[in-house]
Amino acid sequence: MTRGMKNKNRNCKGTGLAEIAMASLIMIGMALFALNIGAAMISYGVNDRACRDAARAAAQGGSSVEAQNLASKILQSYAQNGNLLRTPSLLGVKYNDFNGTPPEGVSPFVTVTTTMNARSIAPFSLFGAEIVKASFPVSKTYTFPIVKLTVPPTAG
């Protein structure tokens, strides 16, 4: 009877260590995933603010060219030199003033789209397949009414 008890205790000694090792691997994976999500959210937030500010500036422009220049200047103020964040770039500015005669009930507007490459803190690949990529694009679009018109609005 004593011998059976010794074998049972002897067989269970390594299970606690094995459970701790497996749980540690799972926790490390979850922590790396959380870091990647955090980095993506920071990149999204920076690109969101940059796009919103660029659209507000473009809405102050009196022409399509002026709106494009104003949006570009705002994006230059968001220049980043770090490893995690990159500088947002302008994908497009759609300036629609309806050639000075907007339809009834529609106001002229400008739409700005920006993009930014977000970098992962911990890229991950499994059996050659890239699960978490090293970088991925984040884009945002904002539309604002044009504030400065070249044609004075009609009195209603």
Foldseek 3Di string as FASTA:
>chain_A
DVVVVVVVVVVCPCPVVVVVVVVVVVVVVVVLVVQQVVLVVVQQVLQVVLQVQLQVQLLADADPVNSVVRSVVSQVVSQDDDPFWHRKDWPDKDWAQVVVDDPPPDATKIKTKIKTKGARPDWDDDPNRTPRDRIDMHMDMDMDGRDHYPHDDDDD
